[in-house]
């Protein structure tokens, strides 16, 4: 796993401008799908907490790209965003 991450990190740093655009699209699309799956389960307080989490993590990715943070920091934020959005989507679709 460490080798995979290191290879991804090296390629990410070499082609950061290309991957930044893809990261914004991927994070926003998966975040939107997560919000849709959350709203399918209602609109109570637990759902609003989940939406807050999804919107916050997706905005962190976008802000880290737009404020020209280090590529490694942006990559870590993107990975966290994709994992959190995927888990929230899966949980809401399964239960």
PDB file of N, CA and C in Angstrom:
ATOM      1  N   UNK A   1       0.824  -1.197   0.000  1.00  0.00           N
ATOM      2  CA  UNK A   1       0.000   0.000   0.000  1.00  0.00           C
ATOM      3  C   UNK A   1       0.864   1.255   0.000  1.00  0.00           C
ATOM      4  N   UNK A   2       1.960   1.197   0.708  1.00  0.00           N
ATOM      5  CA  UNK A   2       2.847   2.352   0.779  1.00  0.00           C
ATOM      6  C   UNK A   2       3.456   2.662  -0.588  1.00  0.00           C
ATOM      7  N   UNK A   3       3.809   1.624  -1.326  1.00  0.00           N
ATOM      8  CA  UNK A   3       4.383   1.829  -2.656  1.00  0.00           C
ATOM      9  C   UNK A   3       3.353   2.448  -3.594  1.00  0.00           C
ATOM     10  N   UNK A   4       2.115   1.990  -3.508  1.00  0.00           N
ATOM     11  CA  UNK A   4       1.048   2.548  -4.335  1.00  0.00           C
ATOM     12  C   UNK A   4       0.856   4.029  -4.027  1.00  0.00           C
ATOM     13  N   UNK A   5       0.827   4.369  -2.742  1.00  0.00           N
ATOM     14  CA  UNK A   5       0.666   5.773  -2.353  1.00  0.00           C
ATOM     15  C   UNK A   5       1.848   6.613  -2.819  1.00  0.00           C
ATOM     16  N   UNK A   6       3.050   6.091  -2.673  1.00  0.00           N
ATOM     17  CA  UNK A   6       4.236   6.843  -3.098  1.00  0.00           C
ATOM     18  C   UNK A   6       4.250   7.074  -4.607  1.00  0.00           C
ATOM     19  N   UNK A   7       3.860   6.058  -5.376  1.00  0.00           N
ATOM     20  CA  UNK A   7       3.780   6.222  -6.835  1.00  0.00           C
ATOM     21  C   UNK A   7       2.712   7.248  -7.218  1.00  0.00           C
ATOM     22  N   UNK A   8       1.563   7.169  -6.546  1.00  0.00           N
ATOM     23  CA  UNK A   8       0.487   8.120  -6.804  1.00  0.00           C
ATOM     24  C   UNK A   8       0.913   9.538  -6.432  1.00  0.00           C
ATOM     25  N   UNK A   9       1.581   9.668  -5.302  1.00  0.00           N
ATOM     26  CA  UNK A   9       2.043  10.983  -4.843  1.00  0.00           C
ATOM     27  C   UNK A   9       3.054  11.589  -5.820  1.00  0.00           C
ATOM     28  N   UNK A  10       3.966  10.771  -6.305  1.00  0.00           N
ATOM     29  CA  UNK A  10       4.980  11.258  -7.250  1.00  0.00           C
ATOM     30  C   UNK A  10       4.321  11.721  -8.552  1.00  0.00           C
ATOM     31  N   UNK A  11       3.401  10.920  -9.078  1.00  0.00           N
ATOM     32  CA  UNK A  11       2.702  11.291 -10.304  1.00  0.00           C
ATOM     33  C   UNK A  11       1.821  12.518 -10.080  1.00  0.00           C
ATOM     34  N   UNK A  12       1.186  12.587  -8.911  1.00  0.00           N
ATOM     35  CA  UNK A  12       0.341  13.729  -8.545  1.00  0.00           C
ATOM     36  C   UNK A  12       1.160  15.018  -8.546  1.00  0.00           C
ATOM     37  N   UNK A  13       2.341  14.971  -7.957  1.00  0.00           N
ATOM     38  CA  UNK A  13       3.187  16.165  -7.888  1.00  0.00           C
ATOM     39  C   UNK A  13       3.714  16.570  -9.269  1.00  0.00           C
ATOM     40  N   UNK A  14       3.997  15.589 -10.121  1.00  0.00           N
ATOM     41  CA  UNK A  14       4.501  15.898 -11.463  1.00  0.00           C
ATOM     42  C   UNK A  14       3.433  16.494 -12.375  1.00  0.00           C
ATOM     43  N   UNK A  15       2.192  16.083 -12.184  1.00  0.00           N
ATOM     44  CA  UNK A  15       1.091  16.530 -13.049  1.00  0.00           C
ATOM     45  C   UNK A  15      -0.009  17.201 -12.229  1.00  0.00           C
ATOM     46  N   UNK A  16       0.385  18.028 -11.289  1.00  0.00           N
ATOM     47  CA  UNK A  16      -0.569  18.593 -10.329  1.00  0.00           C
ATOM     48  C   UNK A  16      -1.664  19.421 -10.994  1.00  0.00           C
ATOM     49  N   UNK A  17      -1.321  20.246 -11.953  1.00  0.00           N
ATOM     50  CA  UNK A  17      -2.323  21.120 -12.574  1.00  0.00           C
ATOM     51  C   UNK A  17      -3.405  20.316 -13.295  1.00  0.00           C
ATOM     52  N   UNK A  18      -3.032  19.207 -13.898  1.00  0.00           N
ATOM     53  CA  UNK A  18      -4.008  18.367 -14.570  1.00  0.00           C
ATOM     54  C   UNK A  18      -4.905  17.671 -13.541  1.00  0.00           C
ATOM     55  N   UNK A  19      -4.292  17.124 -12.509  1.00  0.00           N
ATOM     56  CA  UNK A  19      -5.055  16.395 -11.506  1.00  0.00           C
ATOM     57  C   UNK A  19      -5.908  17.310 -10.637  1.00  0.00           C
ATOM     58  N   UNK A  20      -5.534  18.575 -10.502  1.00  0.00           N
ATOM     59  CA  UNK A  20      -6.311  19.503  -9.680  1.00  0.00           C
ATOM     60  C   UNK A  20      -7.719  19.675 -10.248  1.00  0.00           C
ATOM     61  N   UNK A  21      -7.821  19.818 -11.558  1.00  0.00           N
ATOM     62  CA  UNK A  21      -9.137  19.955 -12.187  1.00  0.00           C
ATOM     63  C   UNK A  21      -9.961  18.685 -12.004  1.00  0.00           C
ATOM     64  N   UNK A  22      -9.328  17.544 -12.178  1.00  0.00           N
ATOM     65  CA  UNK A  22     -10.038  16.274 -11.983  1.00  0.00           C
ATOM     66  C   UNK A  22     -10.448  16.079 -10.529  1.00  0.00           C
ATOM     67  N   UNK A  23      -9.627  16.549  -9.606  1.00  0.00           N
ATOM     68  CA  UNK A  23      -9.935  16.418  -8.179  1.00  0.00           C
ATOM     69  C   UNK A  23     -11.168  17.231  -7.815  1.00  0.00           C
ATOM     70  N   UNK A  24     -11.269  18.440  -8.350  1.00  0.00           N
ATOM     71  CA  UNK A  24     -12.448  19.269  -8.075  1.00  0.00           C
ATOM     72  C   UNK A  24     -13.705  18.594  -8.609  1.00  0.00           C
ATOM     73  N   UNK A  25     -13.630  18.074  -9.820  1.00  0.00           N
ATOM     74  CA  UNK A  25     -14.790  17.416 -10.419  1.00  0.00           C
ATOM     75  C   UNK A  25     -15.166  16.161  -9.636  1.00  0.00           C
ATOM     76  N   UNK A  26     -14.191  15.325  -9.313  1.00  0.00           N
ATOM     77  CA  UNK A  26     -14.467  14.072  -8.607  1.00  0.00           C
ATOM     78  C   UNK A  26     -15.038  14.326  -7.218  1.00  0.00           C
ATOM     79  N   UNK A  27     -14.439  15.231  -6.484  1.00  0.00           N
ATOM     80  CA  UNK A  27     -14.895  15.516  -5.130  1.00  0.00           C
ATOM     81  C   UNK A  27     -16.305  16.100  -5.135  1.00  0.00           C
ATOM     82  N   UNK A  28     -16.571  17.010  -6.048  1.00  0.00           N
ATOM     83  CA  UNK A  28     -17.881  17.649  -6.112  1.00  0.00           C
ATOM     84  C   UNK A  28     -18.958  16.665  -6.555  1.00  0.00           C
ATOM     85  N   UNK A  29     -18.670  15.849  -7.546  1.00  0.00           N
ATOM     86  CA  UNK A  29     -19.662  14.871  -8.024  1.00  0.00           C
ATOM     87  C   UNK A  29     -19.976  13.822  -6.967  1.00  0.00           C
ATOM     88  N   UNK A  30     -18.941  13.284  -6.344  1.00  0.00           N
ATOM     89  CA  UNK A  30     -19.179  12.276  -5.311  1.00  0.00           C
ATOM     90  C   UNK A  30     -19.867  12.897  -4.099  1.00  0.00           C
ATOM     91  N   UNK A  31     -19.531  14.139  -3.778  1.00  0.00           N
ATOM     92  CA  UNK A  31     -20.203  14.839  -2.685  1.00  0.00           C
ATOM     93  C   UNK A  31     -21.673  15.062  -2.984  1.00  0.00           C
ATOM     94  N   UNK A  32     -21.986  15.427  -4.219  1.00  0.00           N
ATOM     95  CA  UNK A  32     -23.381  15.609  -4.609  1.00  0.00           C
ATOM     96  C   UNK A  32     -24.168  14.315  -4.546  1.00  0.00           C
ATOM     97  N   UNK A  33     -23.542  13.230  -4.965  1.00  0.00           N
ATOM     98  CA  UNK A  33     -24.202  11.926  -4.879  1.00  0.00           C
ATOM     99  C   UNK A  33     -24.408  11.521  -3.421  1.00  0.00           C
ATOM    100  N   UNK A  34     -23.453  11.849  -2.556  1.00  0.00           N
ATOM    101  CA  UNK A  34     -23.587  11.549  -1.128  1.00  0.00           C
ATOM    102  C   UNK A  34     -24.754  12.328  -0.528  1.00  0.00           C
ATOM    103  N   UNK A  35     -24.879  13.603  -0.884  1.00  0.00           N
ATOM    104  CA  UNK A  35     -25.984  14.420  -0.370  1.00  0.00           C
ATOM    105  C   UNK A  35     -27.321  13.867  -0.861  1.00  0.00           C
ATOM    106  N   UNK A  36     -27.385  13.443  -2.107  1.00  0.00           N
ATOM    107  CA  UNK A  36     -28.609  12.848  -2.636  1.00  0.00           C
ATOM    108  C   UNK A  36     -28.991  11.599  -1.852  1.00  0.00           C
ATOM    109  N   UNK A  37     -28.022  10.745  -1.564  1.00  0.00           N
ATOM    110  CA  UNK A  37     -28.319   9.520  -0.809  1.00  0.00           C
ATOM    111  C   UNK A  37     -28.719   9.841   0.629  1.00  0.00           C
ATOM    112  N   UNK A  38     -28.172  10.906   1.194  1.00  0.00           N
ATOM    113  CA  UNK A  38     -28.553  11.309   2.552  1.00  0.00           C
ATOM    114  C   UNK A  38     -30.001  11.776   2.568  1.00  0.00           C
ATOM    115  N   UNK A  39     -30.381  12.608   1.606  1.00  0.00           N
ATOM    116  CA  UNK A  39     -31.750  13.125   1.568  1.00  0.00           C
ATOM    117  C   UNK A  39     -32.776  12.043   1.256  1.00  0.00           C
ATOM    118  N   UNK A  40     -32.360  10.927   0.675  1.00  0.00           N
ATOM    119  CA  UNK A  40     -33.283   9.817   0.459  1.00  0.00           C
ATOM    120  C   UNK A  40     -33.720   9.190   1.774  1.00  0.00           C
ATOM    121  N   UNK A  41     -32.948   9.408   2.843  1.00  0.00           N
ATOM    122  CA  UNK A  41     -33.281   8.854   4.159  1.00  0.00           C
ATOM    123  C   UNK A  41     -33.974   9.858   5.063  1.00  0.00           C
ATOM    124  N   UNK A  42     -34.337  11.021   4.566  1.00  0.00           N
ATOM    125  CA  UNK A  42     -35.038  12.010   5.376  1.00  0.00           C
ATOM    126  C   UNK A  42     -34.255  13.298   5.485  1.00  0.00           C
ATOM    127  N   UNK A  43     -34.777  14.178   6.362  1.00  0.00           N
ATOM    128  CA  UNK A  43     -34.130  15.485   6.527  1.00  0.00           C
ATOM    129  C   UNK A  43     -34.083  15.897   7.994  1.00  0.00           C
ATOM    130  N   UNK A  44     -33.795  14.951   8.862  1.00  0.00           N
ATOM    131  CA  UNK A  44     -33.701  15.232  10.291  1.00  0.00           C
ATOM    132  C   UNK A  44     -32.312  15.705  10.690  1.00  0.00           C
ATOM    133  N   UNK A  45     -32.108  15.794  11.989  1.00  0.00           N
ATOM    134  CA  UNK A  45     -30.818  16.244  12.524  1.00  0.00           C
ATOM    135  C   UNK A  45     -29.672  15.308  12.124  1.00  0.00           C
ATOM    136  N   UNK A  46     -29.825  13.975  12.201  1.00  0.00           N
ATOM    137  CA  UNK A  46     -28.705  13.109  11.778  1.00  0.00           C
ATOM    138  C   UNK A  46     -28.311  13.318  10.315  1.00  0.00           C
ATOM    139  N   UNK A  47     -29.302  13.541   9.467  1.00  0.00           N
ATOM    140  CA  UNK A  47     -29.004  13.776   8.059  1.00  0.00           C
ATOM    141  C   UNK A  47     -28.301  15.122   7.860  1.00  0.00           C
ATOM    142  N   UNK A  48     -28.701  16.126   8.622  1.00  0.00           N
ATOM    143  CA  UNK A  48     -28.063  17.443   8.492  1.00  0.00           C
ATOM    144  C   UNK A  48     -26.608  17.403   8.962  1.00  0.00           C
ATOM    145  N   UNK A  49     -26.321  16.588   9.965  1.00  0.00           N
ATOM    146  CA  UNK A  49     -24.936  16.426  10.425  1.00  0.00           C
ATOM    147  C   UNK A  49     -24.100  15.763   9.328  1.00  0.00           C
ATOM    148  N   UNK A  50     -24.673  14.757   8.676  1.00  0.00           N
ATOM    149  CA  UNK A  50     -23.966  14.096   7.580  1.00  0.00           C
ATOM    150  C   UNK A  50     -23.736  15.058   6.414  1.00  0.00           C
ATOM    151  N   UNK A  51     -24.731  15.862   6.096  1.00  0.00           N
ATOM    152  CA  UNK A  51     -24.580  16.832   5.006  1.00  0.00           C
ATOM    153  C   UNK A  51     -23.513  17.858   5.353  1.00  0.00           C
ATOM    154  N   UNK A  52     -23.489  18.299   6.609  1.00  0.00           N
ATOM    155  CA  UNK A  52     -22.452  19.235   7.045  1.00  0.00           C
ATOM    156  C   UNK A  52     -21.070  18.627   6.845  1.00  0.00           C
ATOM    157  N   UNK A  53     -20.910  17.356   7.197  1.00  0.00           N
ATOM    158  CA  UNK A  53     -19.623  16.680   7.040  1.00  0.00           C
ATOM    159  C   UNK A  53     -19.220  16.596   5.568  1.00  0.00           C
ATOM    160  N   UNK A  54     -20.153  16.218   4.711  1.00  0.00           N
ATOM    161  CA  UNK A  54     -19.854  16.080   3.278  1.00  0.00           C
ATOM    162  C   UNK A  54     -19.501  17.430   2.659  1.00  0.00           C
ATOM    163  N   UNK A  55     -20.295  18.446   2.947  1.00  0.00           N
ATOM    164  CA  UNK A  55     -20.038  19.774   2.372  1.00  0.00           C
ATOM    165  C   UNK A  55     -18.708  20.324   2.875  1.00  0.00           C
ATOM    166  N   UNK A  56     -18.418  20.123   4.154  1.00  0.00           N
ATOM    167  CA  UNK A  56     -17.163  20.624   4.719  1.00  0.00           C
ATOM    168  C   UNK A  56     -15.958  19.965   4.066  1.00  0.00           C
ATOM    169  N   UNK A  57     -15.963  18.647   3.953  1.00  0.00           N
ATOM    170  CA  UNK A  57     -14.788  17.956   3.405  1.00  0.00           C
ATOM    171  C   UNK A  57     -14.616  18.272   1.917  1.00  0.00           C
ATOM    172  N   UNK A  58     -15.711  18.419   1.176  1.00  0.00           N
ATOM    173  CA  UNK A  58     -15.587  18.783  -0.247  1.00  0.00           C
ATOM    174  C   UNK A  58     -15.076  20.215  -0.404  1.00  0.00           C
ATOM    175  N   UNK A  59     -15.513  21.106   0.480  1.00  0.00           N
ATOM    176  CA  UNK A  59     -15.014  22.482   0.423  1.00  0.00           C
ATOM    177  C   UNK A  59     -13.552  22.569   0.821  1.00  0.00           C
ATOM    178  N   UNK A  60     -13.107  21.701   1.711  1.00  0.00           N
ATOM    179  CA  UNK A  60     -11.689  21.677   2.082  1.00  0.00           C
ATOM    180  C   UNK A  60     -10.834  21.328   0.863  1.00  0.00           C
ATOM    181  N   UNK A  61     -11.283  20.360   0.082  1.00  0.00           N
ATOM    182  CA  UNK A  61     -10.539  19.988  -1.131  1.00  0.00           C
ATOM    183  C   UNK A  61     -10.492  21.162  -2.104  1.00  0.00           C
ATOM    184  N   UNK A  62     -11.648  21.766  -2.364  1.00  0.00           N
ATOM    185  CA  UNK A  62     -11.691  22.892  -3.301  1.00  0.00           C
ATOM    186  C   UNK A  62     -10.845  24.063  -2.803  1.00  0.00           C
ATOM    187  N   UNK A  63     -10.935  24.361  -1.521  1.00  0.00           N
ATOM    188  CA  UNK A  63     -10.165  25.482  -0.968  1.00  0.00           C
ATOM    189  C   UNK A  63      -8.673  25.205  -1.005  1.00  0.00           C
ATOM    190  N   UNK A  64      -8.283  23.956  -0.751  1.00  0.00           N
ATOM    191  CA  UNK A  64      -6.852  23.645  -0.773  1.00  0.00           C
ATOM    192  C   UNK A  64      -6.276  23.775  -2.183  1.00  0.00           C
ATOM    193  N   UNK A  65      -7.080  23.495  -3.187  1.00  0.00           N
ATOM    194  CA  UNK A  65      -6.619  23.672  -4.568  1.00  0.00           C
ATOM    195  C   UNK A  65      -6.585  25.154  -4.931  1.00  0.00           C
ATOM    196  N   UNK A  66      -7.640  25.871  -4.592  1.00  0.00           N
ATOM    197  CA  UNK A  66      -7.729  27.278  -4.985  1.00  0.00           C
ATOM    198  C   UNK A  66      -6.743  28.171  -4.242  1.00  0.00           C
ATOM    199  N   UNK A  67      -6.329  27.767  -3.042  1.00  0.00           N
ATOM    200  CA  UNK A  67      -5.345  28.564  -2.302  1.00  0.00           C
ATOM    201  C   UNK A  67      -3.923  28.087  -2.549  1.00  0.00           C
ATOM    202  N   UNK A  68      -3.748  27.198  -3.505  1.00  0.00           N
ATOM    203  CA  UNK A  68      -2.450  26.704  -3.964  1.00  0.00           C
ATOM    204  C   UNK A  68      -1.630  26.136  -2.800  1.00  0.00           C
ATOM    205  N   UNK A  69      -2.227  25.173  -2.114  1.00  0.00           N
ATOM    206  CA  UNK A  69      -1.512  24.463  -1.061  1.00  0.00           C
ATOM    207  C   UNK A  69      -0.508  23.498  -1.694  1.00  0.00           C
ATOM    208  N   UNK A  70       0.311  22.894  -0.855  1.00  0.00           N
ATOM    209  CA  UNK A  70       1.271  21.907  -1.349  1.00  0.00           C
ATOM    210  C   UNK A  70       0.510  20.735  -1.970  1.00  0.00           C
ATOM    211  N   UNK A  71       1.029  20.178  -3.058  1.00  0.00           N
ATOM    212  CA  UNK A  71       0.333  19.060  -3.714  1.00  0.00           C
ATOM    213  C   UNK A  71       0.064  17.883  -2.776  1.00  0.00           C
ATOM    214  N   UNK A  72       0.980  17.606  -1.856  1.00  0.00           N
ATOM    215  CA  UNK A  72       0.772  16.488  -0.933  1.00  0.00           C
ATOM    216  C   UNK A  72      -0.436  16.734  -0.026  1.00  0.00           C
ATOM    217  N   UNK A  73      -0.609  17.964   0.427  1.00  0.00           N
ATOM    218  CA  UNK A  73      -1.748  18.300   1.281  1.00  0.00           C
ATOM    219  C   UNK A  73      -3.061  18.175   0.508  1.00  0.00           C
ATOM    220  N   UNK A  74      -3.053  18.604  -0.741  1.00  0.00           N
ATOM    221  CA  UNK A  74      -4.251  18.500  -1.571  1.00  0.00           C
ATOM    222  C   UNK A  74      -4.593  17.030  -1.816  1.00  0.00           C
ATOM    223  N   UNK A  75      -3.583  16.214  -2.068  1.00  0.00           N
ATOM    224  CA  UNK A  75      -3.809  14.785  -2.295  1.00  0.00           C
ATOM    225  C   UNK A  75      -4.417  14.131  -1.065  1.00  0.00           C
ATOM    226  N   UNK A  76      -3.897  14.441   0.113  1.00  0.00           N
ATOM    227  CA  UNK A  76      -4.450  13.868   1.348  1.00  0.00           C
ATOM    228  C   UNK A  76      -5.890  14.323   1.572  1.00  0.00           C
ATOM    229  N   UNK A  77      -6.183  15.588   1.288  1.00  0.00           N
ATOM    230  CA  UNK A  77      -7.550  16.089   1.430  1.00  0.00           C
ATOM    231  C   UNK A  77      -8.484  15.400   0.438  1.00  0.00           C
ATOM    232  N   UNK A  78      -8.006  15.186  -0.780  1.00  0.00           N
ATOM    233  CA  UNK A  78      -8.827  14.511  -1.789  1.00  0.00           C
ATOM    234  C   UNK A  78      -9.114  13.070  -1.387  1.00  0.00           C
ATOM    235  N   UNK A  79      -8.102  12.365  -0.923  1.00  0.00           N
ATOM    236  CA  UNK A  79      -8.302  10.975  -0.503  1.00  0.00           C
ATOM    237  C   UNK A  79      -9.296  10.908   0.653  1.00  0.00           C
ATOM    238  N   UNK A  80      -9.153  11.810   1.622  1.00  0.00           N
ATOM    239  CA  UNK A  80     -10.091  11.848   2.749  1.00  0.00           C
ATOM    240  C   UNK A  80     -11.505  12.146   2.263  1.00  0.00           C
ATOM    241  N   UNK A  81     -11.636  13.083   1.341  1.00  0.00           N
ATOM    242  CA  UNK A  81     -12.944  13.445   0.809  1.00  0.00           C
ATOM    243  C   UNK A  81     -13.599  12.273   0.087  1.00  0.00           C
ATOM    244  N   UNK A  82     -12.838  11.600  -0.750  1.00  0.00           N
ATOM    245  CA  UNK A  82     -13.401  10.474  -1.502  1.00  0.00           C
ATOM    246  C   UNK A  82     -13.810   9.334  -0.582  1.00  0.00           C
ATOM    247  N   UNK A  83     -12.998   9.052   0.423  1.00  0.00           N
ATOM    248  CA  UNK A  83     -13.324   7.967   1.356  1.00  0.00           C
ATOM    249  C   UNK A  83     -14.560   8.311   2.175  1.00  0.00           C
ATOM    250  N   UNK A  84     -14.605   9.517   2.737  1.00  0.00           N
ATOM    251  CA  UNK A  84     -15.743   9.909   3.572  1.00  0.00           C
ATOM    252  C   UNK A  84     -17.032   9.951   2.758  1.00  0.00           C
ATOM    253  N   UNK A  85     -16.991  10.550   1.581  1.00  0.00           N
ATOM    254  CA  UNK A  85     -18.195  10.619   0.747  1.00  0.00           C
ATOM    255  C   UNK A  85     -18.653   9.230   0.310  1.00  0.00           C
ATOM    256  N   UNK A  86     -17.705   8.367  -0.037  1.00  0.00           N
ATOM    257  CA  UNK A  86     -18.068   7.006  -0.436  1.00  0.00           C
ATOM    258  C   UNK A  86     -18.699   6.242   0.726  1.00  0.00           C
ATOM    259  N   UNK A  87     -18.118   6.343   1.918  1.00  0.00           N
ATOM    260  CA  UNK A  87     -18.666   5.635   3.077  1.00  0.00           C
ATOM    261  C   UNK A  87     -20.057   6.144   3.441  1.00  0.00           C
ATOM    262  N   UNK A  88     -20.244   7.450   3.431  1.00  0.00           N
ATOM    263  CA  UNK A  88     -21.559   8.010   3.757  1.00  0.00           C
ATOM    264  C   UNK A  88     -22.589   7.592   2.713  1.00  0.00           C
ATOM    265  N   UNK A  89     -22.201   7.594   1.450  1.00  0.00           N
ATOM    266  CA  UNK A  89     -23.110   7.152   0.394  1.00  0.00           C
ATOM    267  C   UNK A  89     -23.479   5.685   0.575  1.00  0.00           C
ATOM    268  N   UNK A  90     -22.488   4.843   0.812  1.00  0.00           N
ATOM    269  CA  UNK A  90     -22.743   3.408   0.977  1.00  0.00           C
ATOM    270  C   UNK A  90     -23.637   3.139   2.180  1.00  0.00           C
ATOM    271  N   UNK A  91     -23.372   3.801   3.283  1.00  0.00           N
ATOM    272  CA  UNK A  91     -24.182   3.599   4.490  1.00  0.00           C
ATOM    273  C   UNK A  91     -25.626   4.015   4.245  1.00  0.00           C
ATOM    274  N   UNK A  92     -25.821   5.156   3.592  1.00  0.00           N
ATOM    275  CA  UNK A  92     -27.184   5.633   3.357  1.00  0.00           C
ATOM    276  C   UNK A  92     -27.924   4.812   2.314  1.00  0.00           C
ATOM    277  N   UNK A  93     -27.223   4.231   1.364  1.00  0.00           N
ATOM    278  CA  UNK A  93     -27.897   3.396   0.371  1.00  0.00           C
ATOM    279  C   UNK A  93     -28.210   2.005   0.909  1.00  0.00           C
ATOM    280  N   UNK A  94     -27.389   1.527   1.848  1.00  0.00           N
ATOM    281  CA  UNK A  94     -27.594   0.178   2.375  1.00  0.00           C
ATOM    282  C   UNK A  94     -28.577   0.123   3.539  1.00  0.00           C
ATOM    283  N   UNK A  95     -28.678   1.198   4.302  1.00  0.00           N
ATOM    284  CA  UNK A  95     -29.531   1.151   5.505  1.00  0.00           C
ATOM    285  C   UNK A  95     -30.676   2.106   5.432  1.00  0.00           C
TER     286      UNK A  95
END
